[in-house]
Amino acid sequence: MNQFLRNLTPTQQVAALFLIIFGVLVIVSTTAFFLSFREKRNPVHDATWQAELAHFRALLGTTWFMVIIFWIGWALGETVATVLFALISFFALREFITLSPTRRGDHRSLLLAFFVVLPIQFWLVATARFDLFTVFIPVYVFLAIPVASALANDPSHFLERNAKLQWGIMVCVYGMSHVPALLLLSFPGYEGKSAFLVFFLVFVVQTSVLVQHLISRRTQRAPFAPNVSRSFNWTSWGIGIVVASLVGALFSFITPFKFGQALAVSVIACIAGSMGHLVMKALKRDRGIPNWGQKGVGVTGANGLLDRVDALCFAAPIFFHSIRWYFNA
């Protein structure tokens, strides 16, 4: 069966994935909608259950968003996909900076981040300059940002201000830029199918986050880091990693990997994504907000854009460099 699916043309594989993924999402989303509708008209569960259902629907919305982004990127080609992810990176960085206190002396650094660093990073990705795009931000930008801040003649909270901006650039720009970079990797016999790597990464990471949430709500185990996340515990985390990795292995037919290789890279991506999701929760707790975006409402709806892509921002660079190093792609 796996070999049969591998031998399908890219168009046929896309059609099969469309039916499977959107079919499952439609069924689950419809069920969740009718459950919510029934609870509003005739409540039969307590407030905790209803809150869990609302959170689950929010996670479904995130999954819909990421899947639709993949289909748009695949349909419009590598260049448009790179521009699309650059725009996502721009808005995610805007949300991050909006909730991080800045001063007049940060204006030069912010202009540098939004209108110089971000475009150059994604241009390096689009032109497949892998050696430079992997070091441009961690080396050159991290040295340039504090220089720009020092020239602004404002030493107040200098280290804190620069660290926040550098961290925002690292997560929102550097991490996100590795997603379209997957489109440019080259594997023997895998020509014209690189978009499936993006789908594979998004799918396994979102599956991991979704399963972890469902298991944590059902098991009701004590959270490991309650001041950061009331839902994170090692049991749900481990189950989420295992389930998502097995799902990733079953979808090995859309990748250049064998079953065991797909399982291994899925584990790597899920661990990185889940830990990144936890880190971003810690940042939100530090800022005293439930969601990224102005008053918890971002540019994409009920939750901020950064809430939807935070796990991906951490998983993408780890996934990219792991497969590029191991397969010499």
C-alpha atoms as a PDB file:
ATOM      1  CA  MET A   1       0.000   0.000   0.000  1.00  0.00           C
ATOM      2  CA  ASN A   2       2.789   2.385   0.940  1.00  0.00           C
ATOM      3  CA  GLN A   3       4.641   1.710  -2.307  1.00  0.00           C
ATOM      4  CA  PHE A   4       1.432   2.215  -4.313  1.00  0.00           C
ATOM      5  CA  LEU A   5       0.894   5.616  -2.725  1.00  0.00           C
ATOM      6  CA  ARG A   6       4.524   6.578  -3.364  1.00  0.00           C
ATOM      7  CA  ASN A   7       4.113   5.778  -7.054  1.00  0.00           C
ATOM      8  CA  LEU A   8       1.197   8.183  -7.463  1.00  0.00           C
ATOM      9  CA  THR A   9       1.875  11.443  -9.263  1.00  0.00           C
ATOM     10  CA  PRO A  10       2.121  14.603  -7.119  1.00  0.00           C
ATOM     11  CA  THR A  11      -1.332  15.680  -8.316  1.00  0.00           C
ATOM     12  CA  GLN A  12      -2.850  12.331  -7.349  1.00  0.00           C
ATOM     13  CA  GLN A  13      -1.170  12.431  -3.947  1.00  0.00           C
ATOM     14  CA  VAL A  14      -2.476  15.948  -3.354  1.00  0.00           C
ATOM     15  CA  ALA A  15      -5.996  14.813  -4.273  1.00  0.00           C
ATOM     16  CA  ALA A  16      -5.756  11.871  -1.859  1.00  0.00           C
ATOM     17  CA  LEU A  17      -4.474  14.111   0.932  1.00  0.00           C
ATOM     18  CA  PHE A  18      -7.209  16.653   0.218  1.00  0.00           C
ATOM     19  CA  LEU A  19      -9.909  14.025   0.665  1.00  0.00           C
ATOM     20  CA  ILE A  20      -8.345  12.540   3.793  1.00  0.00           C
ATOM     21  CA  ILE A  21      -7.344  15.690   5.658  1.00  0.00           C
ATOM     22  CA  PHE A  22     -10.236  17.971   4.818  1.00  0.00           C
ATOM     23  CA  GLY A  23     -12.689  15.091   5.208  1.00  0.00           C
ATOM     24  CA  VAL A  24     -11.491  14.391   8.748  1.00  0.00           C
ATOM     25  CA  LEU A  25     -11.403  18.108   9.633  1.00  0.00           C
ATOM     26  CA  VAL A  26     -14.934  18.651   8.313  1.00  0.00           C
ATOM     27  CA  ILE A  27     -16.295  15.697  10.307  1.00  0.00           C
ATOM     28  CA  VAL A  28     -14.554  16.690  13.549  1.00  0.00           C
ATOM     29  CA  SER A  29     -15.348  20.402  13.175  1.00  0.00           C
ATOM     30  CA  THR A  30     -19.005  19.685  12.389  1.00  0.00           C
ATOM     31  CA  THR A  31     -19.302  17.437  15.422  1.00  0.00           C
ATOM     32  CA  ALA A  32     -17.701  20.062  17.668  1.00  0.00           C
ATOM     33  CA  PHE A  33     -20.007  22.753  16.251  1.00  0.00           C
ATOM     34  CA  PHE A  34     -23.183  20.774  16.935  1.00  0.00           C
ATOM     35  CA  LEU A  35     -21.982  19.917  20.439  1.00  0.00           C
ATOM     36  CA  SER A  36     -21.427  23.623  21.112  1.00  0.00           C
ATOM     37  CA  PHE A  37     -24.801  24.499  19.583  1.00  0.00           C
ATOM     38  CA  ARG A  38     -26.549  21.892  21.769  1.00  0.00           C
ATOM     39  CA  GLU A  39     -24.803  23.150  24.903  1.00  0.00           C
ATOM     40  CA  LYS A  40     -25.910  26.712  24.220  1.00  0.00           C
ATOM     41  CA  ARG A  41     -29.555  25.733  23.773  1.00  0.00           C
ATOM     42  CA  ASN A  42     -29.774  23.000  26.393  1.00  0.00           C
ATOM     43  CA  PRO A  43     -26.694  22.747  28.637  1.00  0.00           C
ATOM     44  CA  VAL A  44     -26.083  19.218  29.925  1.00  0.00           C
ATOM     45  CA  HIS A  45     -22.443  19.616  31.017  1.00  0.00           C
ATOM     46  CA  ASP A  46     -20.730  21.850  33.534  1.00  0.00           C
ATOM     47  CA  ALA A  47     -18.748  24.993  32.765  1.00  0.00           C
ATOM     48  CA  THR A  48     -15.426  23.118  32.806  1.00  0.00           C
ATOM     49  CA  TRP A  49     -16.561  20.749  30.057  1.00  0.00           C
ATOM     50  CA  GLN A  50     -17.838  23.650  27.970  1.00  0.00           C
ATOM     51  CA  ALA A  51     -14.518  25.494  28.398  1.00  0.00           C
ATOM     52  CA  GLU A  52     -12.650  22.385  27.243  1.00  0.00           C
ATOM     53  CA  LEU A  53     -14.884  22.167  24.183  1.00  0.00           C
ATOM     54  CA  ALA A  54     -14.256  25.837  23.385  1.00  0.00           C
ATOM     55  CA  HIS A  55     -10.495  25.297  23.708  1.00  0.00           C
ATOM     56  CA  PHE A  56     -10.710  22.241  21.466  1.00  0.00           C
ATOM     57  CA  ARG A  57     -12.558  24.253  18.813  1.00  0.00           C
ATOM     58  CA  ALA A  58      -9.837  26.899  19.026  1.00  0.00           C
ATOM     59  CA  LEU A  59      -7.211  24.216  18.377  1.00  0.00           C
ATOM     60  CA  LEU A  60      -9.268  22.986  15.426  1.00  0.00           C
ATOM     61  CA  GLY A  61      -9.276  26.535  14.097  1.00  0.00           C
ATOM     62  CA  THR A  62      -5.494  26.593  14.334  1.00  0.00           C
ATOM     63  CA  THR A  63      -5.317  23.300  12.438  1.00  0.00           C
ATOM     64  CA  TRP A  64      -7.624  24.647   9.718  1.00  0.00           C
ATOM     65  CA  PHE A  65      -5.453  27.747   9.413  1.00  0.00           C
ATOM     66  CA  MET A  66      -2.198  25.789   9.035  1.00  0.00           C
ATOM     67  CA  VAL A  67      -3.680  23.297   6.544  1.00  0.00           C
ATOM     68  CA  ILE A  68      -5.129  26.085   4.392  1.00  0.00           C
ATOM     69  CA  ILE A  69      -1.759  27.862   4.426  1.00  0.00           C
ATOM     70  CA  PHE A  70      -0.188  24.674   3.076  1.00  0.00           C
ATOM     71  CA  TRP A  71      -2.694  24.339   0.244  1.00  0.00           C
ATOM     72  CA  ILE A  72      -2.279  27.970  -0.770  1.00  0.00           C
ATOM     73  CA  GLY A  73       1.495  27.604  -0.770  1.00  0.00           C
ATOM     74  CA  TRP A  74       1.335  24.411  -2.819  1.00  0.00           C
ATOM     75  CA  ALA A  75      -1.135  25.820  -5.346  1.00  0.00           C
ATOM     76  CA  LEU A  76       0.679  29.096  -5.993  1.00  0.00           C
ATOM     77  CA  GLY A  77       4.280  27.838  -6.154  1.00  0.00           C
ATOM     78  CA  GLU A  78       7.530  28.242  -4.231  1.00  0.00           C
ATOM     79  CA  THR A  79       7.948  32.000  -4.726  1.00  0.00           C
ATOM     80  CA  VAL A  80       4.423  32.874  -3.615  1.00  0.00           C
ATOM     81  CA  ALA A  81       4.721  30.432  -0.704  1.00  0.00           C
ATOM     82  CA  THR A  82       7.901  32.172   0.458  1.00  0.00           C
ATOM     83  CA  VAL A  83       6.189  35.579   0.272  1.00  0.00           C
ATOM     84  CA  LEU A  84       3.184  34.161   2.129  1.00  0.00           C
ATOM     85  CA  PHE A  85       5.326  32.883   4.989  1.00  0.00           C
ATOM     86  CA  ALA A  86       7.203  36.196   5.044  1.00  0.00           C
ATOM     87  CA  LEU A  87       3.872  37.965   5.623  1.00  0.00           C
ATOM     88  CA  ILE A  88       2.995  35.502   8.395  1.00  0.00           C
ATOM     89  CA  SER A  89       6.404  36.192   9.927  1.00  0.00           C
ATOM     90  CA  PHE A  90       5.816  39.956   9.702  1.00  0.00           C
ATOM     91  CA  PHE A  91       2.451  39.815  11.502  1.00  0.00           C
ATOM     92  CA  ALA A  92       3.730  37.345  14.096  1.00  0.00           C
ATOM     93  CA  LEU A  93       6.668  39.640  14.886  1.00  0.00           C
ATOM     94  CA  ARG A  94       4.284  42.603  15.079  1.00  0.00           C
ATOM     95  CA  GLU A  95       2.195  40.770  17.671  1.00  0.00           C
ATOM     96  CA  PHE A  96       5.299  39.886  19.664  1.00  0.00           C
ATOM     97  CA  ILE A  97       6.640  43.438  19.639  1.00  0.00           C
ATOM     98  CA  THR A  98       3.227  44.969  20.405  1.00  0.00           C
ATOM     99  CA  LEU A  99       3.194  43.218  23.773  1.00  0.00           C
ATOM    100  CA  SER A 100       6.856  43.922  24.548  1.00  0.00           C
ATOM    101  CA  PRO A 101       7.445  47.422  25.997  1.00  0.00           C
ATOM    102  CA  THR A 102       9.593  49.595  23.730  1.00  0.00           C
ATOM    103  CA  ARG A 103      11.113  53.069  23.958  1.00  0.00           C
ATOM    104  CA  ARG A 104      11.859  55.815  21.470  1.00  0.00           C
ATOM    105  CA  GLY A 105      15.439  54.545  21.304  1.00  0.00           C
ATOM    106  CA  ASP A 106      14.185  51.235  19.875  1.00  0.00           C
ATOM    107  CA  HIS A 107      12.732  52.768  16.708  1.00  0.00           C
ATOM    108  CA  ARG A 108      15.877  52.261  14.644  1.00  0.00           C
ATOM    109  CA  SER A 109      16.191  48.651  15.757  1.00  0.00           C
ATOM    110  CA  LEU A 110      12.516  47.991  14.996  1.00  0.00           C
ATOM    111  CA  LEU A 111      12.819  49.478  11.509  1.00  0.00           C
ATOM    112  CA  LEU A 112      15.890  47.340  10.970  1.00  0.00           C
ATOM    113  CA  ALA A 113      14.040  44.211  12.117  1.00  0.00           C
ATOM    114  CA  PHE A 114      10.858  44.686  10.086  1.00  0.00           C
ATOM    115  CA  PHE A 115      12.093  46.293   6.881  1.00  0.00           C
ATOM    116  CA  VAL A 116      15.671  45.070   6.503  1.00  0.00           C
ATOM    117  CA  VAL A 117      16.242  41.824   8.404  1.00  0.00           C
ATOM    118  CA  LEU A 118      12.953  40.130   7.556  1.00  0.00           C
ATOM    119  CA  PRO A 119      13.063  40.800   3.779  1.00  0.00           C
ATOM    120  CA  ILE A 120      16.730  39.805   3.518  1.00  0.00           C
ATOM    121  CA  GLN A 121      16.169  36.576   5.458  1.00  0.00           C
ATOM    122  CA  PHE A 122      13.347  35.446   3.192  1.00  0.00           C
ATOM    123  CA  TRP A 123      15.228  36.585   0.071  1.00  0.00           C
ATOM    124  CA  LEU A 124      18.107  34.360   1.150  1.00  0.00           C
ATOM    125  CA  VAL A 125      15.626  31.507   1.498  1.00  0.00           C
ATOM    126  CA  ALA A 126      14.039  32.160  -1.902  1.00  0.00           C
ATOM    127  CA  THR A 127      17.462  32.155  -3.587  1.00  0.00           C
ATOM    128  CA  ALA A 128      18.518  28.967  -1.750  1.00  0.00           C
ATOM    129  CA  ARG A 129      21.548  30.568  -0.100  1.00  0.00           C
ATOM    130  CA  PHE A 130      21.392  28.050   2.721  1.00  0.00           C
ATOM    131  CA  ASP A 131      24.834  28.667   4.197  1.00  0.00           C
ATOM    132  CA  LEU A 132      24.139  32.384   4.611  1.00  0.00           C
ATOM    133  CA  PHE A 133      20.491  32.256   5.657  1.00  0.00           C
ATOM    134  CA  THR A 134      21.306  29.910   8.557  1.00  0.00           C
ATOM    135  CA  VAL A 135      23.832  32.345  10.073  1.00  0.00           C
ATOM    136  CA  PHE A 136      22.509  35.726   8.943  1.00  0.00           C
ATOM    137  CA  ILE A 137      20.280  36.302  11.978  1.00  0.00           C
ATOM    138  CA  PRO A 138      22.157  34.420  14.751  1.00  0.00           C
ATOM    139  CA  VAL A 139      25.457  36.101  13.828  1.00  0.00           C
ATOM    140  CA  TYR A 140      25.127  39.325  11.856  1.00  0.00           C
ATOM    141  CA  VAL A 141      21.714  40.546  13.030  1.00  0.00           C
ATOM    142  CA  PHE A 142      22.354  39.734  16.683  1.00  0.00           C
ATOM    143  CA  LEU A 143      25.420  41.960  16.517  1.00  0.00           C
ATOM    144  CA  ALA A 144      23.757  44.715  14.468  1.00  0.00           C
ATOM    145  CA  ILE A 145      20.646  45.159  16.657  1.00  0.00           C
ATOM    146  CA  PRO A 146      22.494  46.295  19.816  1.00  0.00           C
ATOM    147  CA  VAL A 147      24.708  48.574  17.715  1.00  0.00           C
ATOM    148  CA  ALA A 148      21.616  50.313  16.340  1.00  0.00           C
ATOM    149  CA  SER A 149      20.235  50.611  19.873  1.00  0.00           C
ATOM    150  CA  ALA A 150      23.485  52.048  21.216  1.00  0.00           C
ATOM    151  CA  LEU A 151      23.542  54.674  18.477  1.00  0.00           C
ATOM    152  CA  ALA A 152      20.092  55.789  19.647  1.00  0.00           C
ATOM    153  CA  ASN A 153      21.746  57.082  22.863  1.00  0.00           C
ATOM    154  CA  ASP A 154      19.265  55.408  25.243  1.00  0.00           C
ATOM    155  CA  PRO A 155      20.946  53.090  27.800  1.00  0.00           C
ATOM    156  CA  SER A 156      17.831  52.561  29.938  1.00  0.00           C
ATOM    157  CA  HIS A 157      17.067  48.802  30.219  1.00  0.00           C
ATOM    158  CA  PHE A 158      19.441  48.335  27.289  1.00  0.00           C
ATOM    159  CA  LEU A 159      20.067  44.610  27.723  1.00  0.00           C
ATOM    160  CA  GLU A 160      16.413  43.752  28.369  1.00  0.00           C
ATOM    161  CA  ARG A 161      15.134  45.722  25.380  1.00  0.00           C
ATOM    162  CA  ASN A 162      17.628  44.208  22.961  1.00  0.00           C
ATOM    163  CA  ALA A 163      17.158  40.684  24.278  1.00  0.00           C
ATOM    164  CA  LYS A 164      13.375  40.916  23.714  1.00  0.00           C
ATOM    165  CA  LEU A 165      13.795  42.133  20.160  1.00  0.00           C
ATOM    166  CA  GLN A 166      16.450  39.545  19.355  1.00  0.00           C
ATOM    167  CA  TRP A 167      14.259  36.777  20.764  1.00  0.00           C
ATOM    168  CA  GLY A 168      11.279  37.986  18.711  1.00  0.00           C
ATOM    169  CA  ILE A 169      13.376  37.980  15.536  1.00  0.00           C
ATOM    170  CA  MET A 170      14.736  34.532  16.322  1.00  0.00           C
ATOM    171  CA  VAL A 171      11.309  32.970  16.819  1.00  0.00           C
ATOM    172  CA  CYS A 172       9.121  34.884  14.373  1.00  0.00           C
ATOM    173  CA  VAL A 173      11.573  35.450  11.504  1.00  0.00           C
ATOM    174  CA  TYR A 174      14.378  32.905  11.771  1.00  0.00           C
ATOM    175  CA  GLY A 175      12.136  30.025  12.836  1.00  0.00           C
ATOM    176  CA  MET A 176       9.371  30.754  10.339  1.00  0.00           C
ATOM    177  CA  SER A 177      11.816  31.207   7.436  1.00  0.00           C
ATOM    178  CA  HIS A 178      12.740  27.521   7.674  1.00  0.00           C
ATOM    179  CA  VAL A 179       9.239  26.471   6.602  1.00  0.00           C
ATOM    180  CA  PRO A 180       9.496  27.712   2.967  1.00  0.00           C
ATOM    181  CA  ALA A 181      13.147  26.612   2.986  1.00  0.00           C
ATOM    182  CA  LEU A 182      11.836  23.026   2.985  1.00  0.00           C
ATOM    183  CA  LEU A 183      10.482  23.668  -0.512  1.00  0.00           C
ATOM    184  CA  LEU A 184      14.027  24.075  -1.830  1.00  0.00           C
ATOM    185  CA  LEU A 185      15.547  20.858  -0.480  1.00  0.00           C
ATOM    186  CA  SER A 186      16.506  18.314  -3.123  1.00  0.00           C
ATOM    187  CA  PHE A 187      16.039  14.556  -2.735  1.00  0.00           C
ATOM    188  CA  PRO A 188      16.686  11.983  -5.489  1.00  0.00           C
ATOM    189  CA  GLY A 189      13.414  10.856  -7.052  1.00  0.00           C
ATOM    190  CA  TYR A 190      11.440  13.471  -5.102  1.00  0.00           C
ATOM    191  CA  GLU A 191      11.367  16.256  -7.671  1.00  0.00           C
ATOM    192  CA  GLY A 192       8.232  18.400  -7.619  1.00  0.00           C
ATOM    193  CA  LYS A 193       7.059  17.073  -4.255  1.00  0.00           C
ATOM    194  CA  SER A 194       8.873  19.305  -1.745  1.00  0.00           C
ATOM    195  CA  ALA A 195       5.608  20.969  -0.720  1.00  0.00           C
ATOM    196  CA  PHE A 196       4.677  17.696   0.957  1.00  0.00           C
ATOM    197  CA  LEU A 197       7.530  18.219   3.433  1.00  0.00           C
ATOM    198  CA  VAL A 198       5.827  21.424   4.576  1.00  0.00           C
ATOM    199  CA  PHE A 199       2.531  19.604   4.941  1.00  0.00           C
ATOM    200  CA  PHE A 200       4.219  16.712   6.759  1.00  0.00           C
ATOM    201  CA  LEU A 201       5.848  19.063   9.276  1.00  0.00           C
ATOM    202  CA  VAL A 202       2.676  21.082   9.911  1.00  0.00           C
ATOM    203  CA  PHE A 203       0.534  17.958  10.188  1.00  0.00           C
ATOM    204  CA  VAL A 204       2.647  16.042  12.711  1.00  0.00           C
ATOM    205  CA  VAL A 205       3.310  19.110  14.891  1.00  0.00           C
ATOM    206  CA  GLN A 206      -0.373  20.090  15.013  1.00  0.00           C
ATOM    207  CA  THR A 207      -1.375  16.490  15.688  1.00  0.00           C
ATOM    208  CA  SER A 208       1.040  16.379  18.618  1.00  0.00           C
ATOM    209  CA  VAL A 209      -0.315  19.606  20.139  1.00  0.00           C
ATOM    210  CA  LEU A 210      -3.937  18.532  19.635  1.00  0.00           C
ATOM    211  CA  VAL A 211      -3.464  15.049  21.136  1.00  0.00           C
ATOM    212  CA  GLN A 212      -1.546  16.442  24.108  1.00  0.00           C
ATOM    213  CA  HIS A 213      -4.387  18.836  24.832  1.00  0.00           C
ATOM    214  CA  LEU A 214      -7.066  16.132  24.612  1.00  0.00           C
ATOM    215  CA  ILE A 215      -5.140  13.678  26.793  1.00  0.00           C
ATOM    216  CA  SER A 216      -4.310  16.290  29.435  1.00  0.00           C
ATOM    217  CA  ARG A 217      -7.979  17.233  29.695  1.00  0.00           C
ATOM    218  CA  ARG A 218      -9.037  13.598  30.066  1.00  0.00           C
ATOM    219  CA  THR A 219      -6.365  12.354  32.473  1.00  0.00           C
ATOM    220  CA  GLN A 220      -6.511  15.372  34.806  1.00  0.00           C
ATOM    221  CA  ARG A 221      -2.945  14.764  35.986  1.00  0.00           C
ATOM    222  CA  ALA A 222      -1.117  17.413  37.981  1.00  0.00           C
ATOM    223  CA  PRO A 223       0.693  19.852  35.663  1.00  0.00           C
ATOM    224  CA  PHE A 224       4.478  19.700  35.683  1.00  0.00           C
ATOM    225  CA  ALA A 225       4.918  23.471  35.413  1.00  0.00           C
ATOM    226  CA  PRO A 226       1.626  24.952  36.685  1.00  0.00           C
ATOM    227  CA  ASN A 227       2.903  28.527  36.678  1.00  0.00           C
ATOM    228  CA  VAL A 228       3.572  28.213  32.949  1.00  0.00           C
ATOM    229  CA  SER A 229       0.917  25.789  31.712  1.00  0.00           C
ATOM    230  CA  ARG A 230      -1.936  24.164  33.600  1.00  0.00           C
ATOM    231  CA  SER A 231      -2.281  21.488  30.903  1.00  0.00           C
ATOM    232  CA  PHE A 232       1.318  20.349  30.447  1.00  0.00           C
ATOM    233  CA  ASN A 233       2.249  17.044  32.059  1.00  0.00           C
ATOM    234  CA  TRP A 234       4.693  14.350  31.000  1.00  0.00           C
ATOM    235  CA  THR A 235       2.016  11.698  30.420  1.00  0.00           C
ATOM    236  CA  SER A 236      -0.003  13.712  27.917  1.00  0.00           C
ATOM    237  CA  TRP A 237       3.209  15.037  26.380  1.00  0.00           C
ATOM    238  CA  GLY A 238       4.572  11.512  25.825  1.00  0.00           C
ATOM    239  CA  ILE A 239       1.293  10.201  24.410  1.00  0.00           C
ATOM    240  CA  GLY A 240       1.057  13.180  22.059  1.00  0.00           C
ATOM    241  CA  ILE A 241       4.592  12.590  20.799  1.00  0.00           C
ATOM    242  CA  VAL A 242       3.968   8.867  20.252  1.00  0.00           C
ATOM    243  CA  VAL A 243       0.617   9.291  18.481  1.00  0.00           C
ATOM    244  CA  ALA A 244       1.811  12.133  16.233  1.00  0.00           C
ATOM    245  CA  SER A 245       5.038  10.289  15.371  1.00  0.00           C
ATOM    246  CA  LEU A 246       3.146   7.151  14.398  1.00  0.00           C
ATOM    247  CA  VAL A 247       0.795   9.236  12.269  1.00  0.00           C
ATOM    248  CA  GLY A 248       3.835  10.836  10.638  1.00  0.00           C
ATOM    249  CA  ALA A 249       5.315   7.413   9.938  1.00  0.00           C
ATOM    250  CA  LEU A 250       2.053   6.297   8.311  1.00  0.00           C
ATOM    251  CA  PHE A 251       2.289   9.342   6.027  1.00  0.00           C
ATOM    252  CA  SER A 252       5.837   8.462   4.974  1.00  0.00           C
ATOM    253  CA  PHE A 253       4.532   7.844   1.443  1.00  0.00           C
ATOM    254  CA  ILE A 254       4.355  11.612   0.836  1.00  0.00           C
ATOM    255  CA  THR A 255       7.967  12.095   1.944  1.00  0.00           C
ATOM    256  CA  PRO A 256      11.353  10.894   0.695  1.00  0.00           C
ATOM    257  CA  PHE A 257      11.742   8.968   3.971  1.00  0.00           C
ATOM    258  CA  LYS A 258      11.275   5.304   4.766  1.00  0.00           C
ATOM    259  CA  PHE A 259       8.869   4.317   7.540  1.00  0.00           C
ATOM    260  CA  GLY A 260      11.525   4.322  10.288  1.00  0.00           C
ATOM    261  CA  GLN A 261      13.076   7.555   9.046  1.00  0.00           C
ATOM    262  CA  ALA A 262       9.693   9.275   8.957  1.00  0.00           C
ATOM    263  CA  LEU A 263       9.065   8.052  12.508  1.00  0.00           C
ATOM    264  CA  ALA A 264      12.402   9.464  13.699  1.00  0.00           C
ATOM    265  CA  VAL A 265      12.019  12.907  12.107  1.00  0.00           C
ATOM    266  CA  SER A 266       8.437  13.085  13.399  1.00  0.00           C
ATOM    267  CA  VAL A 267       9.682  12.509  16.945  1.00  0.00           C
ATOM    268  CA  ILE A 268      12.266  15.290  16.488  1.00  0.00           C
ATOM    269  CA  ALA A 269       9.696  17.733  15.082  1.00  0.00           C
ATOM    270  CA  CYS A 270       7.089  16.960  17.757  1.00  0.00           C
ATOM    271  CA  ILE A 271       9.522  17.337  20.647  1.00  0.00           C
ATOM    272  CA  ALA A 272      10.811  20.656  19.290  1.00  0.00           C
ATOM    273  CA  GLY A 273       7.308  21.946  18.549  1.00  0.00           C
ATOM    274  CA  SER A 274       5.802  20.962  21.905  1.00  0.00           C
ATOM    275  CA  MET A 275       8.694  22.431  23.866  1.00  0.00           C
ATOM    276  CA  GLY A 276       8.460  25.612  21.794  1.00  0.00           C
ATOM    277  CA  HIS A 277       4.744  25.810  22.529  1.00  0.00           C
ATOM    278  CA  LEU A 278       5.564  25.582  26.242  1.00  0.00           C
ATOM    279  CA  VAL A 279       8.223  28.296  25.964  1.00  0.00           C
ATOM    280  CA  MET A 280       5.788  30.660  24.269  1.00  0.00           C
ATOM    281  CA  LYS A 281       3.256  29.987  27.027  1.00  0.00           C
ATOM    282  CA  ALA A 282       5.903  31.058  29.532  1.00  0.00           C
ATOM    283  CA  LEU A 283       6.390  34.291  27.587  1.00  0.00           C
ATOM    284  CA  LYS A 284       2.638  34.940  27.637  1.00  0.00           C
ATOM    285  CA  ARG A 285       2.525  34.359  31.383  1.00  0.00           C
ATOM    286  CA  ASP A 286       5.382  36.827  31.782  1.00  0.00           C
ATOM    287  CA  ARG A 287       3.399  39.403  29.819  1.00  0.00           C
ATOM    288  CA  GLY A 288       0.201  38.555  31.731  1.00  0.00           C
ATOM    289  CA  ILE A 289      -1.879  37.725  28.640  1.00  0.00           C
ATOM    290  CA  PRO A 290      -3.907  34.643  27.602  1.00  0.00           C
ATOM    291  CA  ASN A 291      -3.173  34.995  23.884  1.00  0.00           C
ATOM    292  CA  TRP A 292      -0.874  36.930  21.586  1.00  0.00           C
ATOM    293  CA  GLY A 293      -2.359  39.933  19.830  1.00  0.00           C
ATOM    294  CA  GLN A 294      -3.973  43.154  20.991  1.00  0.00           C
ATOM    295  CA  LYS A 295      -6.042  42.310  24.096  1.00  0.00           C
ATOM    296  CA  GLY A 296      -5.723  38.627  23.200  1.00  0.00           C
ATOM    297  CA  VAL A 297      -7.250  39.157  19.757  1.00  0.00           C
ATOM    298  CA  GLY A 298      -4.771  38.963  16.919  1.00  0.00           C
ATOM    299  CA  VAL A 299      -4.967  39.727  13.234  1.00  0.00           C
ATOM    300  CA  THR A 300      -6.415  36.303  12.447  1.00  0.00           C
ATOM    301  CA  GLY A 301      -9.321  36.121  14.875  1.00  0.00           C
ATOM    302  CA  ALA A 302     -10.004  34.944  18.389  1.00  0.00           C
ATOM    303  CA  ASN A 303      -6.406  33.989  19.065  1.00  0.00           C
ATOM    304  CA  GLY A 304      -3.303  35.789  17.882  1.00  0.00           C
ATOM    305  CA  LEU A 305      -1.421  34.626  14.806  1.00  0.00           C
ATOM    306  CA  LEU A 306       1.578  33.765  16.959  1.00  0.00           C
ATOM    307  CA  ASP A 307      -0.604  31.374  18.978  1.00  0.00           C
ATOM    308  CA  ARG A 308      -1.227  29.460  15.768  1.00  0.00           C
ATOM    309  CA  VAL A 309       2.372  29.166  14.609  1.00  0.00           C
ATOM    310  CA  ASP A 310       4.476  29.161  17.793  1.00  0.00           C
ATOM    311  CA  ALA A 311       5.091  25.389  17.776  1.00  0.00           C
ATOM    312  CA  LEU A 312       5.941  25.520  14.075  1.00  0.00           C
ATOM    313  CA  CYS A 313       8.474  28.315  14.616  1.00  0.00           C
ATOM    314  CA  PHE A 314      10.445  26.036  16.948  1.00  0.00           C
ATOM    315  CA  ALA A 315       9.966  22.784  15.030  1.00  0.00           C
ATOM    316  CA  ALA A 316      10.825  24.090  11.548  1.00  0.00           C
ATOM    317  CA  PRO A 317      14.545  24.910  12.033  1.00  0.00           C
ATOM    318  CA  ILE A 318      15.212  21.681  13.970  1.00  0.00           C
ATOM    319  CA  PHE A 319      13.361  19.618  11.342  1.00  0.00           C
ATOM    320  CA  PHE A 320      15.046  21.406   8.429  1.00  0.00           C
ATOM    321  CA  HIS A 321      18.611  21.075   9.675  1.00  0.00           C
ATOM    322  CA  SER A 322      18.088  17.491  10.850  1.00  0.00           C
ATOM    323  CA  ILE A 323      16.960  16.195   7.464  1.00  0.00           C
ATOM    324  CA  ARG A 324      19.381  18.397   5.515  1.00  0.00           C
ATOM    325  CA  TRP A 325      22.307  17.089   7.582  1.00  0.00           C
ATOM    326  CA  TYR A 326      21.260  13.418   7.643  1.00  0.00           C
ATOM    327  CA  PHE A 327      20.173  13.150   4.000  1.00  0.00           C
ATOM    328  CA  ASN A 328      22.657  15.708   2.653  1.00  0.00           C
ATOM    329  CA  ALA A 329      19.762  17.370   0.807  1.00  0.00           C
END
